[in-house]
ModelCIF file with pLDDT and N, C-alpha, C, O atoms, coordinates in Angstrom:
data_MODEL
#
_entry.id   MODEL 
#
_entity.id                         1 
_entity.type                       polymer 
_entity.pdbx_number_of_molecules   1 
#
_entity_poly.entity_id                      1 
_entity_poly.type                           'polypeptide(L)' 
_entity_poly.nstd_linkage                   no 
_entity_poly.nstd_monomer                   no 
_entity_poly.pdbx_seq_one_letter_code       DLNKQLLQVAEDRLNAGDIPELEMYLVQVELARSEGARIDIDRAY 
_entity_poly.pdbx_seq_one_letter_code_can   DLNKQLLQVAEDRLNAGDIPELEMYLVQVELARSEGARIDIDRAY 
_entity_poly.pdbx_strand_id                 A 
#
loop_
_entity_poly_seq.entity_id 
_entity_poly_seq.num 
_entity_poly_seq.mon_id 
_entity_poly_seq.hetero 
1 1  ASP n 
1 2  LEU n 
1 3  ASN n 
1 4  LYS n 
1 5  GLN n 
1 6  LEU n 
1 7  LEU n 
1 8  GLN n 
1 9  VAL n 
1 10 ALA n 
1 11 GLU n 
1 12 ASP n 
1 13 ARG n 
1 14 LEU n 
1 15 ASN n 
1 16 ALA n 
1 17 GLY n 
1 18 ASP n 
1 19 ILE n 
1 20 PRO n 
1 21 GLU n 
1 22 LEU n 
1 23 GLU n 
1 24 MET n 
1 25 TYR n 
1 26 LEU n 
1 27 VAL n 
1 28 GLN n 
1 29 VAL n 
1 30 GLU n 
1 31 LEU n 
1 32 ALA n 
1 33 ARG n 
1 34 SER n 
1 35 GLU n 
1 36 GLY n 
1 37 ALA n 
1 38 ARG n 
1 39 ILE n 
1 40 ASP n 
1 41 ILE n 
1 42 ASP n 
1 43 ARG n 
1 44 ALA n 
1 45 TYR n 
#
_struct_asym.id          A 
_struct_asym.entity_id   1 
#
loop_
_ma_qa_metric.id 
_ma_qa_metric.mode 
_ma_qa_metric.name 
_ma_qa_metric.software_group_id 
_ma_qa_metric.type 
1 global pLDDT . pLDDT 
2 local  pLDDT . pLDDT 
#
_ma_qa_metric_global.metric_id      1 
_ma_qa_metric_global.metric_value   82.16 
_ma_qa_metric_global.model_id       1 
_ma_qa_metric_global.ordinal_id     1 
#
loop_
_ma_qa_metric_local.label_asym_id 
_ma_qa_metric_local.label_comp_id 
_ma_qa_metric_local.label_seq_id 
_ma_qa_metric_local.metric_id 
_ma_qa_metric_local.metric_value 
_ma_qa_metric_local.model_id 
_ma_qa_metric_local.ordinal_id 
A ASP 1  2 85.00 1 1  
A LEU 2  2 82.00 1 2  
A ASN 3  2 79.00 1 3  
A LYS 4  2 84.00 1 4  
A GLN 5  2 79.00 1 5  
A LEU 6  2 78.00 1 6  
A LEU 7  2 79.00 1 7  
A GLN 8  2 80.00 1 8  
A VAL 9  2 76.00 1 9  
A ALA 10 2 77.00 1 10 
A GLU 11 2 79.00 1 11 
A ASP 12 2 76.00 1 12 
A ARG 13 2 75.00 1 13 
A LEU 14 2 78.00 1 14 
A ASN 15 2 80.00 1 15 
A ALA 16 2 75.00 1 16 
A GLY 17 2 75.00 1 17 
A ASP 18 2 74.00 1 18 
A ILE 19 2 75.00 1 19 
A PRO 20 2 78.00 1 20 
A GLU 21 2 79.00 1 21 
A LEU 22 2 83.00 1 22 
A GLU 23 2 76.00 1 23 
A MET 24 2 77.00 1 24 
A TYR 25 2 81.00 1 25 
A LEU 26 2 83.00 1 26 
A VAL 27 2 78.00 1 27 
A GLN 28 2 84.00 1 28 
A VAL 29 2 84.00 1 29 
A GLU 30 2 82.00 1 30 
A LEU 31 2 84.00 1 31 
A ALA 32 2 89.00 1 32 
A ARG 33 2 86.00 1 33 
A SER 34 2 84.00 1 34 
A GLU 35 2 87.00 1 35 
A GLY 36 2 88.00 1 36 
A ALA 37 2 86.00 1 37 
A ARG 38 2 89.00 1 38 
A ILE 39 2 91.00 1 39 
A ASP 40 2 90.00 1 40 
A ILE 41 2 89.00 1 41 
A ASP 42 2 90.00 1 42 
A ARG 43 2 92.00 1 43 
A ALA 44 2 91.00 1 44 
A TYR 45 2 90.00 1 45 
#
loop_
_atom_site.group_PDB 
_atom_site.id 
_atom_site.type_symbol 
_atom_site.label_atom_id 
_atom_site.label_alt_id 
_atom_site.label_comp_id 
_atom_site.label_asym_id 
_atom_site.label_entity_id 
_atom_site.label_seq_id 
_atom_site.pdbx_PDB_ins_code 
_atom_site.Cartn_x 
_atom_site.Cartn_y 
_atom_site.Cartn_z 
_atom_site.occupancy 
_atom_site.B_iso_or_equiv 
_atom_site.pdbx_formal_charge 
_atom_site.auth_seq_id 
_atom_site.auth_comp_id 
_atom_site.auth_asym_id 
_atom_site.auth_atom_id 
_atom_site.pdbx_PDB_model_num 
ATOM 1   N N  . ASP A 1 1  ? 94.035  88.200  90.413 1.00 85.00 ? 1  ASP A N  1 
ATOM 2   C CA . ASP A 1 1  ? 94.545  86.849  90.178 1.00 85.00 ? 1  ASP A CA 1 
ATOM 3   C C  . ASP A 1 1  ? 95.509  86.810  88.994 1.00 85.00 ? 1  ASP A C  1 
ATOM 4   O O  . ASP A 1 1  ? 96.565  86.181  89.072 1.00 85.00 ? 1  ASP A O  1 
ATOM 5   N N  . LEU A 1 2  ? 95.150  87.479  87.901 1.00 82.00 ? 2  LEU A N  1 
ATOM 6   C CA . LEU A 1 2  ? 96.030  87.483  86.731 1.00 82.00 ? 2  LEU A CA 1 
ATOM 7   C C  . LEU A 1 2  ? 97.344  88.191  87.031 1.00 82.00 ? 2  LEU A C  1 
ATOM 8   O O  . LEU A 1 2  ? 98.405  87.756  86.582 1.00 82.00 ? 2  LEU A O  1 
ATOM 9   N N  . ASN A 1 3  ? 97.275  89.282  87.789 1.00 79.00 ? 3  ASN A N  1 
ATOM 10  C CA . ASN A 1 3  ? 98.514  89.979  88.142 1.00 79.00 ? 3  ASN A CA 1 
ATOM 11  C C  . ASN A 1 3  ? 99.388  89.141  89.070 1.00 79.00 ? 3  ASN A C  1 
ATOM 12  O O  . ASN A 1 3  ? 100.616 89.188  88.987 1.00 79.00 ? 3  ASN A O  1 
ATOM 13  N N  . LYS A 1 4  ? 98.746  88.369  89.958 1.00 84.00 ? 4  LYS A N  1 
ATOM 14  C CA . LYS A 1 4  ? 99.530  87.469  90.813 1.00 84.00 ? 4  LYS A CA 1 
ATOM 15  C C  . LYS A 1 4  ? 100.208 86.379  89.973 1.00 84.00 ? 4  LYS A C  1 
ATOM 16  O O  . LYS A 1 4  ? 101.364 86.030  90.211 1.00 84.00 ? 4  LYS A O  1 
ATOM 17  N N  . GLN A 1 5  ? 99.483  85.855  89.003 1.00 79.00 ? 5  GLN A N  1 
ATOM 18  C CA . GLN A 1 5  ? 100.078 84.850  88.115 1.00 79.00 ? 5  GLN A CA 1 
ATOM 19  C C  . GLN A 1 5  ? 101.218 85.449  87.296 1.00 79.00 ? 5  GLN A C  1 
ATOM 20  O O  . GLN A 1 5  ? 102.264 84.829  87.103 1.00 79.00 ? 5  GLN A O  1 
ATOM 21  N N  . LEU A 1 6  ? 100.983 86.692  86.815 1.00 78.00 ? 6  LEU A N  1 
ATOM 22  C CA . LEU A 1 6  ? 102.032 87.362  86.041 1.00 78.00 ? 6  LEU A CA 1 
ATOM 23  C C  . LEU A 1 6  ? 103.246 87.638  86.913 1.00 78.00 ? 6  LEU A C  1 
ATOM 24  O O  . LEU A 1 6  ? 104.383 87.521  86.454 1.00 78.00 ? 6  LEU A O  1 
ATOM 25  N N  . LEU A 1 7  ? 103.013 88.004  88.166 1.00 79.00 ? 7  LEU A N  1 
ATOM 26  C CA . LEU A 1 7  ? 104.130 88.250  89.079 1.00 79.00 ? 7  LEU A CA 1 
ATOM 27  C C  . LEU A 1 7  ? 104.930 86.980  89.313 1.00 79.00 ? 7  LEU A C  1 
ATOM 28  O O  . LEU A 1 7  ? 106.157 87.028  89.403 1.00 79.00 ? 7  LEU A O  1 
ATOM 29  N N  . GLN A 1 8  ? 104.249 85.841  89.413 1.00 80.00 ? 8  GLN A N  1 
ATOM 30  C CA . GLN A 1 8  ? 104.957 84.583  89.608 1.00 80.00 ? 8  GLN A CA 1 
ATOM 31  C C  . GLN A 1 8  ? 105.824 84.243  88.392 1.00 80.00 ? 8  GLN A C  1 
ATOM 32  O O  . GLN A 1 8  ? 106.958 83.783  88.523 1.00 80.00 ? 8  GLN A O  1 
ATOM 33  N N  . VAL A 1 9  ? 105.249 84.487  87.190 1.00 76.00 ? 9  VAL A N  1 
ATOM 34  C CA . VAL A 1 9  ? 106.033 84.246  85.972 1.00 76.00 ? 9  VAL A CA 1 
ATOM 35  C C  . VAL A 1 9  ? 107.240 85.182  85.932 1.00 76.00 ? 9  VAL A C  1 
ATOM 36  O O  . VAL A 1 9  ? 108.343 84.771  85.575 1.00 76.00 ? 9  VAL A O  1 
ATOM 37  N N  . ALA A 1 10 ? 107.017 86.452  86.306 1.00 77.00 ? 10 ALA A N  1 
ATOM 38  C CA . ALA A 1 10 ? 108.132 87.415  86.303 1.00 77.00 ? 10 ALA A CA 1 
ATOM 39  C C  . ALA A 1 10 ? 109.215 87.005  87.295 1.00 77.00 ? 10 ALA A C  1 
ATOM 40  O O  . ALA A 1 10 ? 110.405 87.106  86.998 1.00 77.00 ? 10 ALA A O  1 
ATOM 41  N N  . GLU A 1 11 ? 108.801 86.540  88.476 1.00 79.00 ? 11 GLU A N  1 
ATOM 42  C CA . GLU A 1 11 ? 109.801 86.101  89.465 1.00 79.00 ? 11 GLU A CA 1 
ATOM 43  C C  . GLU A 1 11 ? 110.581 84.900  88.958 1.00 79.00 ? 11 GLU A C  1 
ATOM 44  O O  . GLU A 1 11 ? 111.795 84.822  89.146 1.00 79.00 ? 11 GLU A O  1 
ATOM 45  N N  . ASP A 1 12 ? 109.895 83.963  88.316 1.00 76.00 ? 12 ASP A N  1 
ATOM 46  C CA . ASP A 1 12 ? 110.593 82.797  87.767 1.00 76.00 ? 12 ASP A CA 1 
ATOM 47  C C  . ASP A 1 12 ? 111.588 83.211  86.701 1.00 76.00 ? 12 ASP A C  1 
ATOM 48  O O  . ASP A 1 12 ? 112.706 82.696  86.656 1.00 76.00 ? 12 ASP A O  1 
ATOM 49  N N  . ARG A 1 13 ? 111.190 84.136  85.845 1.00 75.00 ? 13 ARG A N  1 
ATOM 50  C CA . ARG A 1 13 ? 112.102 84.569  84.783 1.00 75.00 ? 13 ARG A CA 1 
ATOM 51  C C  . ARG A 1 13 ? 113.248 85.403  85.351 1.00 75.00 ? 13 ARG A C  1 
ATOM 52  O O  . ARG A 1 13 ? 114.363 85.373  84.831 1.00 75.00 ? 13 ARG A O  1 
ATOM 53  N N  . LEU A 1 14 ? 112.961 86.162  86.445 1.00 78.00 ? 14 LEU A N  1 
ATOM 54  C CA . LEU A 1 14 ? 114.039 86.926  87.089 1.00 78.00 ? 14 LEU A CA 1 
ATOM 55  C C  . LEU A 1 14 ? 115.052 85.991  87.712 1.00 78.00 ? 14 LEU A C  1 
ATOM 56  O O  . LEU A 1 14 ? 116.258 86.211  87.605 1.00 78.00 ? 14 LEU A O  1 
ATOM 57  N N  . ASN A 1 15 ? 114.568 84.952  88.360 1.00 80.00 ? 15 ASN A N  1 
ATOM 58  C CA . ASN A 1 15 ? 115.478 83.982  88.968 1.00 80.00 ? 15 ASN A CA 1 
ATOM 59  C C  . ASN A 1 15 ? 116.298 83.255  87.915 1.00 80.00 ? 15 ASN A C  1 
ATOM 60  O O  . ASN A 1 15 ? 117.430 82.835  88.156 1.00 80.00 ? 15 ASN A O  1 
ATOM 61  N N  . ALA A 1 16 ? 115.689 83.120  86.733 1.00 75.00 ? 16 ALA A N  1 
ATOM 62  C CA . ALA A 1 16 ? 116.424 82.450  85.648 1.00 75.00 ? 16 ALA A CA 1 
ATOM 63  C C  . ALA A 1 16 ? 117.340 83.411  84.912 1.00 75.00 ? 16 ALA A C  1 
ATOM 64  O O  . ALA A 1 16 ? 118.085 83.000  84.022 1.00 75.00 ? 16 ALA A O  1 
ATOM 65  N N  . GLY A 1 17 ? 117.293 84.698  85.276 1.00 75.00 ? 17 GLY A N  1 
ATOM 66  C CA . GLY A 1 17 ? 118.163 85.688  84.647 1.00 75.00 ? 17 GLY A CA 1 
ATOM 67  C C  . GLY A 1 17 ? 117.679 86.151  83.303 1.00 75.00 ? 17 GLY A C  1 
ATOM 68  O O  . GLY A 1 17 ? 118.461 86.705  82.531 1.00 75.00 ? 17 GLY A O  1 
ATOM 69  N N  . ASP A 1 18 ? 116.385 85.941  82.987 1.00 74.00 ? 18 ASP A N  1 
ATOM 70  C CA . ASP A 1 18 ? 115.857 86.318  81.674 1.00 74.00 ? 18 ASP A CA 1 
ATOM 71  C C  . ASP A 1 18 ? 115.414 87.772  81.599 1.00 74.00 ? 18 ASP A C  1 
ATOM 72  O O  . ASP A 1 18 ? 115.371 88.347  80.511 1.00 74.00 ? 18 ASP A O  1 
ATOM 73  N N  . ILE A 1 19 ? 115.080 88.381  82.749 1.00 75.00 ? 19 ILE A N  1 
ATOM 74  C CA . ILE A 1 19 ? 114.552 89.746  82.734 1.00 75.00 ? 19 ILE A CA 1 
ATOM 75  C C  . ILE A 1 19 ? 115.243 90.558  83.816 1.00 75.00 ? 19 ILE A C  1 
ATOM 76  O O  . ILE A 1 19 ? 115.776 89.997  84.773 1.00 75.00 ? 19 ILE A O  1 
ATOM 77  N N  . PRO A 1 20 ? 115.235 91.879  83.668 1.00 78.00 ? 20 PRO A N  1 
ATOM 78  C CA . PRO A 1 20 ? 115.783 92.730  84.744 1.00 78.00 ? 20 PRO A CA 1 
ATOM 79  C C  . PRO A 1 20 ? 114.798 92.807  85.915 1.00 78.00 ? 20 PRO A C  1 
ATOM 80  O O  . PRO A 1 20 ? 113.619 92.481  85.781 1.00 78.00 ? 20 PRO A O  1 
ATOM 81  N N  . GLU A 1 21 ? 115.303 93.235  87.036 1.00 79.00 ? 21 GLU A N  1 
ATOM 82  C CA . GLU A 1 21 ? 114.470 93.326  88.239 1.00 79.00 ? 21 GLU A CA 1 
ATOM 83  C C  . GLU A 1 21 ? 113.354 94.353  88.088 1.00 79.00 ? 21 GLU A C  1 
ATOM 84  O O  . GLU A 1 21 ? 112.318 94.246  88.743 1.00 79.00 ? 21 GLU A O  1 
ATOM 85  N N  . LEU A 1 22 ? 113.563 95.350  87.227 1.00 83.00 ? 22 LEU A N  1 
ATOM 86  C CA . LEU A 1 22 ? 112.560 96.396  87.022 1.00 83.00 ? 22 LEU A CA 1 
ATOM 87  C C  . LEU A 1 22 ? 111.229 95.812  86.551 1.00 83.00 ? 22 LEU A C  1 
ATOM 88  O O  . LEU A 1 22 ? 110.168 96.297  86.943 1.00 83.00 ? 22 LEU A O  1 
ATOM 89  N N  . GLU A 1 23 ? 111.277 94.781  85.720 1.00 76.00 ? 23 GLU A N  1 
ATOM 90  C CA . GLU A 1 23 ? 110.033 94.188  85.215 1.00 76.00 ? 23 GLU A CA 1 
ATOM 91  C C  . GLU A 1 23 ? 109.193 93.615  86.344 1.00 76.00 ? 23 GLU A C  1 
ATOM 92  O O  . GLU A 1 23 ? 107.968 93.737  86.338 1.00 76.00 ? 23 GLU A O  1 
ATOM 93  N N  . MET A 1 24 ? 109.843 92.997  87.301 1.00 77.00 ? 24 MET A N  1 
ATOM 94  C CA . MET A 1 24 ? 109.106 92.456  88.440 1.00 77.00 ? 24 MET A CA 1 
ATOM 95  C C  . MET A 1 24 ? 108.462 93.579  89.248 1.00 77.00 ? 24 MET A C  1 
ATOM 96  O O  . MET A 1 24 ? 107.337 93.440  89.728 1.00 77.00 ? 24 MET A O  1 
ATOM 97  N N  . TYR A 1 25 ? 109.189 94.705  89.396 1.00 81.00 ? 25 TYR A N  1 
ATOM 98  C CA . TYR A 1 25 ? 108.633 95.834  90.135 1.00 81.00 ? 25 TYR A CA 1 
ATOM 99  C C  . TYR A 1 25 ? 107.408 96.412  89.415 1.00 81.00 ? 25 TYR A C  1 
ATOM 100 O O  . TYR A 1 25 ? 106.437 96.809  90.058 1.00 81.00 ? 25 TYR A O  1 
ATOM 101 N N  . LEU A 1 26 ? 107.460 96.455  88.090 1.00 83.00 ? 26 LEU A N  1 
ATOM 102 C CA . LEU A 1 26 ? 106.318 96.944  87.323 1.00 83.00 ? 26 LEU A CA 1 
ATOM 103 C C  . LEU A 1 26 ? 105.088 96.072  87.553 1.00 83.00 ? 26 LEU A C  1 
ATOM 104 O O  . LEU A 1 26 ? 103.975 96.588  87.663 1.00 83.00 ? 26 LEU A O  1 
ATOM 105 N N  . VAL A 1 27 ? 105.276 94.769  87.627 1.00 78.00 ? 27 VAL A N  1 
ATOM 106 C CA . VAL A 1 27 ? 104.154 93.871  87.887 1.00 78.00 ? 27 VAL A CA 1 
ATOM 107 C C  . VAL A 1 27 ? 103.635 94.072  89.303 1.00 78.00 ? 27 VAL A C  1 
ATOM 108 O O  . VAL A 1 27 ? 102.426 94.022  89.526 1.00 78.00 ? 27 VAL A O  1 
ATOM 109 N N  . GLN A 1 28 ? 104.515 94.294  90.253 1.00 84.00 ? 28 GLN A N  1 
ATOM 110 C CA . GLN A 1 28 ? 104.086 94.548  91.629 1.00 84.00 ? 28 GLN A CA 1 
ATOM 111 C C  . GLN A 1 28 ? 103.238 95.823  91.715 1.00 84.00 ? 28 GLN A C  1 
ATOM 112 O O  . GLN A 1 28 ? 102.260 95.883  92.460 1.00 84.00 ? 28 GLN A O  1 
ATOM 113 N N  . VAL A 1 29 ? 103.631 96.840  90.941 1.00 84.00 ? 29 VAL A N  1 
ATOM 114 C CA . VAL A 1 29 ? 102.836 98.080  90.913 1.00 84.00 ? 29 VAL A CA 1 
ATOM 115 C C  . VAL A 1 29 ? 101.439 97.799  90.356 1.00 84.00 ? 29 VAL A C  1 
ATOM 116 O O  . VAL A 1 29 ? 100.443 98.299  90.879 1.00 84.00 ? 29 VAL A O  1 
ATOM 117 N N  . GLU A 1 30 ? 101.375 96.998  89.293 1.00 82.00 ? 30 GLU A N  1 
ATOM 118 C CA . GLU A 1 30 ? 100.074 96.662  88.714 1.00 82.00 ? 30 GLU A CA 1 
ATOM 119 C C  . GLU A 1 30 ? 99.222  95.872  89.693 1.00 82.00 ? 30 GLU A C  1 
ATOM 120 O O  . GLU A 1 30 ? 98.006  96.057  89.751 1.00 82.00 ? 30 GLU A O  1 
ATOM 121 N N  . LEU A 1 31 ? 99.845  95.002  90.453 1.00 84.00 ? 31 LEU A N  1 
ATOM 122 C CA . LEU A 1 31 ? 99.124  94.228  91.448 1.00 84.00 ? 31 LEU A CA 1 
ATOM 123 C C  . LEU A 1 31 ? 98.567  95.145  92.534 1.00 84.00 ? 31 LEU A C  1 
ATOM 124 O O  . LEU A 1 31 ? 97.418  94.991  92.950 1.00 84.00 ? 31 LEU A O  1 
ATOM 125 N N  . ALA A 1 32 ? 99.372  96.092  92.988 1.00 89.00 ? 32 ALA A N  1 
ATOM 126 C CA . ALA A 1 32 ? 98.907  97.043  94.006 1.00 89.00 ? 32 ALA A CA 1 
ATOM 127 C C  . ALA A 1 32 ? 97.777  97.916  93.449 1.00 89.00 ? 32 ALA A C  1 
ATOM 128 O O  . ALA A 1 32 ? 96.814  98.227  94.150 1.00 89.00 ? 32 ALA A O  1 
ATOM 129 N N  . ARG A 1 33 ? 97.912  98.306  92.174 1.00 86.00 ? 33 ARG A N  1 
ATOM 130 C CA . ARG A 1 33 ? 96.849  99.123  91.569 1.00 86.00 ? 33 ARG A CA 1 
ATOM 131 C C  . ARG A 1 33 ? 95.533  98.352  91.483 1.00 86.00 ? 33 ARG A C  1 
ATOM 132 O O  . ARG A 1 33 ? 94.467  98.914  91.734 1.00 86.00 ? 33 ARG A O  1 
ATOM 133 N N  . SER A 1 34 ? 95.603  97.082  91.133 1.00 84.00 ? 34 SER A N  1 
ATOM 134 C CA . SER A 1 34 ? 94.383  96.278  91.047 1.00 84.00 ? 34 SER A CA 1 
ATOM 135 C C  . SER A 1 34 ? 93.769  96.046  92.432 1.00 84.00 ? 34 SER A C  1 
ATOM 136 O O  . SER A 1 34 ? 92.549  95.954  92.568 1.00 84.00 ? 34 SER A O  1 
ATOM 137 N N  . GLU A 1 35 ? 94.616  95.952  93.451 1.00 87.00 ? 35 GLU A N  1 
ATOM 138 C CA . GLU A 1 35 ? 94.111  95.831  94.813 1.00 87.00 ? 35 GLU A CA 1 
ATOM 139 C C  . GLU A 1 35 ? 93.385  97.109  95.236 1.00 87.00 ? 35 GLU A C  1 
ATOM 140 O O  . GLU A 1 35 ? 92.328  97.048  95.863 1.00 87.00 ? 35 GLU A O  1 
ATOM 141 N N  . GLY A 1 36 ? 93.952  98.261  94.892 1.00 88.00 ? 36 GLY A N  1 
ATOM 142 C CA . GLY A 1 36 ? 93.291  99.521  95.214 1.00 88.00 ? 36 GLY A CA 1 
ATOM 143 C C  . GLY A 1 36 ? 91.968  99.684  94.486 1.00 88.00 ? 36 GLY A C  1 
ATOM 144 O O  . GLY A 1 36 ? 90.994  100.176 95.055 1.00 88.00 ? 36 GLY A O  1 
ATOM 145 N N  . ALA A 1 37 ? 91.938  99.269  93.225 1.00 86.00 ? 37 ALA A N  1 
ATOM 146 C CA . ALA A 1 37 ? 90.686  99.339  92.462 1.00 86.00 ? 37 ALA A CA 1 
ATOM 147 C C  . ALA A 1 37 ? 89.624  98.439  93.089 1.00 86.00 ? 37 ALA A C  1 
ATOM 148 O O  . ALA A 1 37 ? 88.444  98.789  93.131 1.00 86.00 ? 37 ALA A O  1 
ATOM 149 N N  . ARG A 1 38 ? 90.056  97.280  93.576 1.00 89.00 ? 38 ARG A N  1 
ATOM 150 C CA . ARG A 1 38 ? 89.115  96.361  94.203 1.00 89.00 ? 38 ARG A CA 1 
ATOM 151 C C  . ARG A 1 38 ? 88.499  96.972  95.449 1.00 89.00 ? 38 ARG A C  1 
ATOM 152 O O  . ARG A 1 38 ? 87.312  96.777  95.710 1.00 89.00 ? 38 ARG A O  1 
ATOM 153 N N  . ILE A 1 39 ? 89.286  97.710  96.221 1.00 91.00 ? 39 ILE A N  1 
ATOM 154 C CA . ILE A 1 39 ? 88.771  98.357  97.432 1.00 91.00 ? 39 ILE A CA 1 
ATOM 155 C C  . ILE A 1 39 ? 87.730  99.405  97.072 1.00 91.00 ? 39 ILE A C  1 
ATOM 156 O O  . ILE A 1 39 ? 86.682  99.480  97.713 1.00 91.00 ? 39 ILE A O  1 
ATOM 157 N N  . ASP A 1 40 ? 88.009  100.224 96.043 1.00 90.00 ? 40 ASP A N  1 
ATOM 158 C CA . ASP A 1 40 ? 87.042  101.241 95.627 1.00 90.00 ? 40 ASP A CA 1 
ATOM 159 C C  . ASP A 1 40 ? 85.741  100.613 95.135 1.00 90.00 ? 40 ASP A C  1 
ATOM 160 O O  . ASP A 1 40 ? 84.655  101.088 95.466 1.00 90.00 ? 40 ASP A O  1 
ATOM 161 N N  . ILE A 1 41 ? 85.849  99.565  94.357 1.00 89.00 ? 41 ILE A N  1 
ATOM 162 C CA . ILE A 1 41 ? 84.650  98.912  93.827 1.00 89.00 ? 41 ILE A CA 1 
ATOM 163 C C  . ILE A 1 41 ? 83.864  98.248  94.951 1.00 89.00 ? 41 ILE A C  1 
ATOM 164 O O  . ILE A 1 41 ? 82.634  98.236  94.933 1.00 89.00 ? 41 ILE A O  1 
ATOM 165 N N  . ASP A 1 42 ? 84.572  97.702  95.917 1.00 90.00 ? 42 ASP A N  1 
ATOM 166 C CA . ASP A 1 42 ? 83.902  97.070  97.052 1.00 90.00 ? 42 ASP A CA 1 
ATOM 167 C C  . ASP A 1 42 ? 83.083  98.099  97.828 1.00 90.00 ? 42 ASP A C  1 
ATOM 168 O O  . ASP A 1 42 ? 81.971  97.812  98.271 1.00 90.00 ? 42 ASP A O  1 
ATOM 169 N N  . ARG A 1 43 ? 83.638  99.296  97.990 1.00 92.00 ? 43 ARG A N  1 
ATOM 170 C CA . ARG A 1 43 ? 82.905  100.363 98.668 1.00 92.00 ? 43 ARG A CA 1 
ATOM 171 C C  . ARG A 1 43 ? 81.664  100.769 97.870 1.00 92.00 ? 43 ARG A C  1 
ATOM 172 O O  . ARG A 1 43 ? 80.600  101.001 98.443 1.00 92.00 ? 43 ARG A O  1 
ATOM 173 N N  . ALA A 1 44 ? 81.806  100.853 96.559 1.00 91.00 ? 44 ALA A N  1 
ATOM 174 C CA . ALA A 1 44 ? 80.654  101.196 95.720 1.00 91.00 ? 44 ALA A CA 1 
ATOM 175 C C  . ALA A 1 44 ? 79.578  100.115 95.793 1.00 91.00 ? 44 ALA A C  1 
ATOM 176 O O  . ALA A 1 44 ? 78.385  100.418 95.808 1.00 91.00 ? 44 ALA A O  1 
ATOM 177 N N  . TYR A 1 45 ? 80.004  98.859  95.838 1.00 90.00 ? 45 TYR A N  1 
ATOM 178 C CA . TYR A 1 45 ? 79.046  97.754  95.930 1.00 90.00 ? 45 TYR A CA 1 
ATOM 179 C C  . TYR A 1 45 ? 78.246  97.835  97.226 1.00 90.00 ? 45 TYR A C  1 
ATOM 180 O O  . TYR A 1 45 ? 77.390  96.987  97.478 1.00 90.00 ? 45 TYR A O  1 
#
């Protein structure tokens, strides 16, 4: 959830021209990593 919120903030700032596109990609990677961690933890549960 926090990574999704951060991604939304990054997209808003990218659209406003405040940040480079690379920052948004970094947040997307973090979101994918958290999704993968969730799958592993779900299996352990």
